[in-house]
Amino acid sequence: MTFIRENLPDPVSYFESEGLKLTSKGKWRTTACNFHGGGSTMRINTTNGAWVCMALCGARGGNVLAYHMAAHGMDFIEAAKALGAWQDDGKPHVHHRPKPLPPNDALQLLAEESMVVAVAAGNLAQGVILTDQDRERCLLAAGRINLVAGF
């Protein structure tokens, strides 16, 4: 099985297909950050697909594959297959256990994701109806918490 970087989608097309509205001109464009539900805080490189949130969440990655993994809670192979960048060569796949997060990174991730879930729960308790985007983000946060917790 082989990863073929050249098969990754064009960054502009990919991010727009993810529902992001890219504004501004030039190599780096601005859009909303779906990781923390913030305003126009995410910057996207239209050449290589790198992305970074300039706000508190600091989400970032080097290409559309990294974004797809983070946004959909997928591992590398799942995301590469979903984006058409994985070629099956007929050899059996040996699943390698992912390298564990360093403790400080795991604690930071748990703190940030549990805050998303807590805010959503607080809003529900106050009678606020969550949007589809809020529900998706909450489910993503719960998935990440479960992944770090080893469930």
Protein backbone atom coordinates (compact mmCIF):
# COMPACT_ATOMS: atom_id res chain seq x y z
CA MET A 1 0.00 0.00 0.00
CA THR A 2 1.35 3.35 -0.98
CA PHE A 3 0.60 6.97 -0.20
CA ILE A 4 0.64 9.13 -3.32
CA ARG A 5 0.97 12.79 -2.34
CA GLU A 6 0.29 13.96 -5.90
CA ASN A 7 -3.25 12.52 -5.66
CA LEU A 8 -4.21 14.85 -2.81
CA PRO A 9 -6.87 17.32 -3.95
CA ASP A 10 -6.10 20.91 -4.85
CA PRO A 11 -6.08 22.91 -1.57
CA VAL A 12 -8.60 25.57 -2.68
CA SER A 13 -11.05 22.97 -4.03
CA TYR A 14 -10.64 20.77 -0.97
CA PHE A 15 -11.20 23.47 1.65
CA GLU A 16 -14.19 24.85 -0.25
CA SER A 17 -15.66 21.32 -0.46
CA GLU A 18 -15.32 21.20 3.35
CA GLY A 19 -17.64 24.20 3.54
CA LEU A 20 -14.97 26.81 4.22
CA LYS A 21 -15.33 30.15 2.49
CA LEU A 22 -11.88 31.42 1.58
CA THR A 23 -11.54 35.19 1.59
CA SER A 24 -8.73 37.57 0.69
CA LYS A 25 -6.28 37.19 -2.18
CA GLY A 26 -2.80 35.76 -2.46
CA LYS A 27 -1.07 32.63 -1.29
CA TRP A 28 -2.55 32.70 2.25
CA ARG A 29 -6.34 33.02 2.50
CA THR A 30 -8.56 33.56 5.52
CA THR A 31 -11.53 31.48 6.66
CA ALA A 32 -13.43 30.46 9.79
CA CYS A 33 -11.85 27.95 12.16
CA ASN A 34 -14.16 24.95 12.54
CA PHE A 35 -12.03 23.56 15.35
CA HIS A 36 -13.08 26.18 17.88
CA GLY A 37 -16.02 27.70 16.03
CA GLY A 38 -14.27 31.03 15.76
CA GLY A 39 -14.63 33.76 13.22
CA SER A 40 -12.16 34.36 10.43
CA THR A 41 -9.12 33.17 12.33
CA MET A 42 -7.81 30.35 10.15
CA ARG A 43 -5.24 30.98 7.43
CA ILE A 44 -4.85 28.52 4.56
CA ASN A 45 -1.95 28.27 2.14
CA THR A 46 -3.47 27.79 -1.32
CA THR A 47 -0.24 26.36 -2.72
CA ASN A 48 0.51 23.47 -0.36
CA GLY A 49 -2.64 23.28 1.80
CA ALA A 50 -0.94 24.20 5.08
CA TRP A 51 -3.35 25.69 7.62
CA VAL A 52 -3.14 27.42 10.97
CA CYS A 53 -5.64 28.98 13.36
CA MET A 54 -4.35 32.31 14.57
CA ALA A 55 -6.65 32.27 17.62
CA LEU A 56 -6.58 30.43 20.92
CA CYS A 57 -7.03 26.90 19.60
CA GLY A 58 -3.84 27.05 17.51
CA ALA A 59 -4.95 24.16 15.29
CA ARG A 60 -2.51 23.64 12.43
CA GLY A 61 -1.26 21.21 9.85
CA GLY A 62 0.90 20.92 6.78
CA ASN A 63 -1.59 19.94 4.08
CA VAL A 64 -5.14 18.92 3.23
CA LEU A 65 -4.48 15.40 4.52
CA ALA A 66 -3.62 16.75 7.98
CA TYR A 67 -6.78 18.88 7.93
CA HIS A 68 -8.93 15.91 6.88
CA MET A 69 -7.46 13.80 9.67
CA ALA A 70 -8.09 16.47 12.30
CA ALA A 71 -11.53 17.55 11.07
CA HIS A 72 -12.92 14.04 10.69
CA GLY A 73 -11.05 12.20 13.46
CA MET A 74 -9.39 9.83 10.99
CA ASP A 75 -6.00 8.21 11.04
CA PHE A 76 -3.51 8.69 8.21
CA ILE A 77 -4.57 5.74 6.07
CA GLU A 78 -8.32 6.38 6.46
CA ALA A 79 -7.88 10.01 5.45
CA ALA A 80 -5.55 9.18 2.55
CA LYS A 81 -8.09 6.66 1.24
CA ALA A 82 -10.94 9.16 1.63
CA LEU A 83 -8.96 11.73 -0.37
CA GLY A 84 -7.93 9.28 -3.09
CA ALA A 85 -4.24 9.39 -2.19
CA TRP A 86 -3.88 5.76 -1.12
CA GLN A 87 -3.10 3.00 -3.59
CA ASP A 88 -3.55 -0.64 -2.67
CA ASP A 89 -0.57 -2.64 -3.93
CA GLY A 90 -2.04 -6.01 -2.94
CA LYS A 91 0.33 -6.58 -0.04
CA PRO A 92 -1.20 -7.21 3.37
CA HIS A 93 -1.37 -4.15 5.55
CA VAL A 94 0.50 -4.29 8.82
CA HIS A 95 -1.22 -2.00 11.27
CA HIS A 96 1.27 -0.12 13.38
CA ARG A 97 0.16 1.20 16.68
CA PRO A 98 0.26 5.00 16.64
CA LYS A 99 2.95 6.73 18.63
CA PRO A 100 1.39 7.92 21.89
CA LEU A 101 1.04 11.61 22.54
CA PRO A 102 3.49 13.08 25.00
CA PRO A 103 1.70 13.51 28.36
CA ASN A 104 1.61 17.32 28.19
CA ASP A 105 0.14 17.26 24.67
CA ALA A 106 -2.45 14.68 25.72
CA LEU A 107 -3.47 16.77 28.71
CA GLN A 108 -3.71 19.91 26.58
CA LEU A 109 -5.84 18.11 24.00
CA LEU A 110 -8.10 16.69 26.72
CA ALA A 111 -8.49 20.13 28.29
CA GLU A 112 -9.40 21.81 25.01
CA GLU A 113 -11.76 19.10 23.80
CA SER A 114 -13.48 18.72 27.17
CA MET A 115 -14.07 22.49 27.17
CA VAL A 116 -15.88 22.17 23.82
CA VAL A 117 -18.08 19.42 25.25
CA ALA A 118 -18.68 21.36 28.49
CA VAL A 119 -19.72 24.52 26.64
CA ALA A 120 -22.10 22.52 24.45
CA ALA A 121 -23.57 20.81 27.53
CA GLY A 122 -23.97 24.17 29.27
CA ASN A 123 -25.71 25.62 26.25
CA LEU A 124 -28.07 22.64 26.10
CA ALA A 125 -28.81 23.01 29.81
CA GLN A 126 -29.79 26.63 29.16
CA GLY A 127 -32.14 25.59 26.36
CA VAL A 128 -29.89 26.66 23.51
CA ILE A 129 -30.36 24.52 20.42
CA LEU A 130 -27.03 23.50 18.94
CA THR A 131 -26.43 24.03 15.24
CA ASP A 132 -25.39 21.11 13.04
CA GLN A 133 -21.86 22.53 13.03
CA ASP A 134 -21.86 22.69 16.85
CA ARG A 135 -23.05 19.08 17.10
CA GLU A 136 -20.40 17.91 14.63
CA ARG A 137 -17.69 19.75 16.59
CA CYS A 138 -18.93 18.26 19.85
CA LEU A 139 -18.87 14.74 18.37
CA LEU A 140 -15.38 15.35 17.02
CA ALA A 141 -14.26 16.49 20.48
CA ALA A 142 -15.80 13.40 22.09
CA GLY A 143 -14.05 11.18 19.54
CA ARG A 144 -10.70 12.79 20.26
CA ILE A 145 -11.20 12.44 24.00
CA ASN A 146 -12.01 8.74 23.54
CA LEU A 147 -8.98 8.28 21.28
CA VAL A 148 -6.61 9.79 23.85
CA ALA A 149 -8.31 7.90 26.68
CA GLY A 150 -7.85 4.65 24.76
CA PHE A 151 -11.50 3.65 24.46
